[in-house]
Amino acid sequence: MKITVSNNGPLRVEGEFTLCDATGKAFGLGGRAMISLCRCGHSENKPFCDGSHKRVGFQSEVQARDLPPPAPKV
């Protein structure tokens, strides 16, 4: 699986994956091997992107970076 953060747009998910809701029930993706997930919060078809980011002028440019190590568990 590969997830790509699109500048000013959605998260693109490609490959073999399962998308589940909060209860663990899988979405029926109709055999798709690629979907786009909304980042702007304005999609009428959440969690999927419907292009609303363009209409609302969503802006978020992201560059890959290293995260610090997780805090130790106490």
C-alpha atoms as a PDB file:
ATOM      1  CA  MET A   1       0.000   0.000   0.000  1.00  0.00           C
ATOM      2  CA  LYS A   2       1.147   3.529  -0.710  1.00  0.00           C
ATOM      3  CA  ILE A   3      -0.395   6.732   0.686  1.00  0.00           C
ATOM      4  CA  THR A   4       0.442  10.024  -1.023  1.00  0.00           C
ATOM      5  CA  VAL A   5      -0.378  13.432   0.464  1.00  0.00           C
ATOM      6  CA  SER A   6      -1.448  15.653  -2.450  1.00  0.00           C
ATOM      7  CA  ASN A   7      -0.540  19.313  -2.063  1.00  0.00           C
ATOM      8  CA  ASN A   8      -3.764  21.292  -1.592  1.00  0.00           C
ATOM      9  CA  GLY A   9      -5.745  18.082  -2.043  1.00  0.00           C
ATOM     10  CA  PRO A  10      -6.622  14.641  -0.726  1.00  0.00           C
ATOM     11  CA  LEU A  11      -4.760  11.613   0.578  1.00  0.00           C
ATOM     12  CA  ARG A  12      -4.374   9.140  -2.287  1.00  0.00           C
ATOM     13  CA  VAL A  13      -4.348   5.500  -1.174  1.00  0.00           C
ATOM     14  CA  GLU A  14      -3.121   2.895  -3.666  1.00  0.00           C
ATOM     15  CA  GLY A  15      -2.500  -0.831  -3.587  1.00  0.00           C
ATOM     16  CA  GLU A  16      -4.075  -3.532  -1.513  1.00  0.00           C
ATOM     17  CA  PHE A  17      -5.916  -2.115   1.506  1.00  0.00           C
ATOM     18  CA  THR A  18      -9.134  -2.268   3.507  1.00  0.00           C
ATOM     19  CA  LEU A  19     -10.895   0.896   4.662  1.00  0.00           C
ATOM     20  CA  CYS A  20     -13.019   0.437   7.791  1.00  0.00           C
ATOM     21  CA  ASP A  21     -15.401   2.662   9.741  1.00  0.00           C
ATOM     22  CA  ALA A  22     -15.114   3.284  13.492  1.00  0.00           C
ATOM     23  CA  THR A  23     -16.895  -0.007  14.273  1.00  0.00           C
ATOM     24  CA  GLY A  24     -14.513  -2.031  12.088  1.00  0.00           C
ATOM     25  CA  LYS A  25     -16.981  -2.581   9.238  1.00  0.00           C
ATOM     26  CA  ALA A  26     -15.244  -2.472   5.843  1.00  0.00           C
ATOM     27  CA  PHE A  27     -16.353  -0.072   3.119  1.00  0.00           C
ATOM     28  CA  GLY A  28     -17.316  -1.767  -0.150  1.00  0.00           C
ATOM     29  CA  LEU A  29     -14.863  -0.221  -2.597  1.00  0.00           C
ATOM     30  CA  GLY A  30     -16.159  -1.958  -5.718  1.00  0.00           C
ATOM     31  CA  GLY A  31     -12.781  -3.490  -6.569  1.00  0.00           C
ATOM     32  CA  ARG A  32     -10.929  -0.162  -6.568  1.00  0.00           C
ATOM     33  CA  ALA A  33      -7.157  -0.314  -6.046  1.00  0.00           C
ATOM     34  CA  MET A  34      -6.944   3.492  -5.581  1.00  0.00           C
ATOM     35  CA  ILE A  35      -9.098   5.951  -3.641  1.00  0.00           C
ATOM     36  CA  SER A  36      -8.731   9.552  -2.488  1.00  0.00           C
ATOM     37  CA  LEU A  37      -9.600  10.529   1.075  1.00  0.00           C
ATOM     38  CA  CYS A  38     -10.747  14.046   1.995  1.00  0.00           C
ATOM     39  CA  ARG A  39      -8.338  16.266   3.962  1.00  0.00           C
ATOM     40  CA  CYS A  40     -10.220  19.562   3.687  1.00  0.00           C
ATOM     41  CA  GLY A  41     -13.328  18.466   5.610  1.00  0.00           C
ATOM     42  CA  HIS A  42     -15.780  19.809   3.012  1.00  0.00           C
ATOM     43  CA  SER A  43     -16.535  16.663   0.986  1.00  0.00           C
ATOM     44  CA  GLU A  44     -20.189  15.670   0.748  1.00  0.00           C
ATOM     45  CA  ASN A  45     -19.013  12.038   0.434  1.00  0.00           C
ATOM     46  CA  LYS A  46     -16.723  11.696   3.489  1.00  0.00           C
ATOM     47  CA  PRO A  47     -14.353  10.073   3.991  1.00  0.00           C
ATOM     48  CA  PHE A  48     -13.872  10.167   0.214  1.00  0.00           C
ATOM     49  CA  CYS A  49     -12.728  13.235  -1.727  1.00  0.00           C
ATOM     50  CA  ASP A  50     -15.287  14.817  -4.050  1.00  0.00           C
ATOM     51  CA  GLY A  51     -13.118  17.720  -5.228  1.00  0.00           C
ATOM     52  CA  SER A  52     -14.506  20.220  -2.693  1.00  0.00           C
ATOM     53  CA  HIS A  53     -10.945  21.267  -1.784  1.00  0.00           C
ATOM     54  CA  LYS A  54     -10.786  23.182  -5.076  1.00  0.00           C
ATOM     55  CA  ARG A  55     -14.070  25.010  -4.416  1.00  0.00           C
ATOM     56  CA  VAL A  56     -13.135  26.082  -0.890  1.00  0.00           C
ATOM     57  CA  GLY A  57      -9.526  26.980  -1.663  1.00  0.00           C
ATOM     58  CA  PHE A  58      -8.027  24.383   0.689  1.00  0.00           C
ATOM     59  CA  GLN A  59      -4.288  24.916   1.028  1.00  0.00           C
ATOM     60  CA  SER A  60      -1.863  22.532   2.646  1.00  0.00           C
ATOM     61  CA  GLU A  61       1.507  21.706   1.156  1.00  0.00           C
ATOM     62  CA  VAL A  62       3.347  18.887   2.854  1.00  0.00           C
ATOM     63  CA  GLN A  63       6.922  17.671   2.500  1.00  0.00           C
ATOM     64  CA  ALA A  64       8.156  14.369   3.851  1.00  0.00           C
ATOM     65  CA  ARG A  65      10.102  14.600   7.084  1.00  0.00           C
ATOM     66  CA  ASP A  66      11.335  12.372   9.884  1.00  0.00           C
ATOM     67  CA  LEU A  67       9.221  12.220  13.037  1.00  0.00           C
ATOM     68  CA  PRO A  68      10.917  12.063  16.423  1.00  0.00           C
ATOM     69  CA  PRO A  69      10.877   8.694  18.199  1.00  0.00           C
ATOM     70  CA  PRO A  70       7.718   7.983  20.200  1.00  0.00           C
ATOM     71  CA  ALA A  71       7.736   8.833  23.891  1.00  0.00           C
ATOM     72  CA  PRO A  72       8.545   5.862  26.117  1.00  0.00           C
ATOM     73  CA  LYS A  73       5.548   4.109  27.611  1.00  0.00           C
ATOM     74  CA  VAL A  74       5.423   4.385  31.361  1.00  0.00           C
END
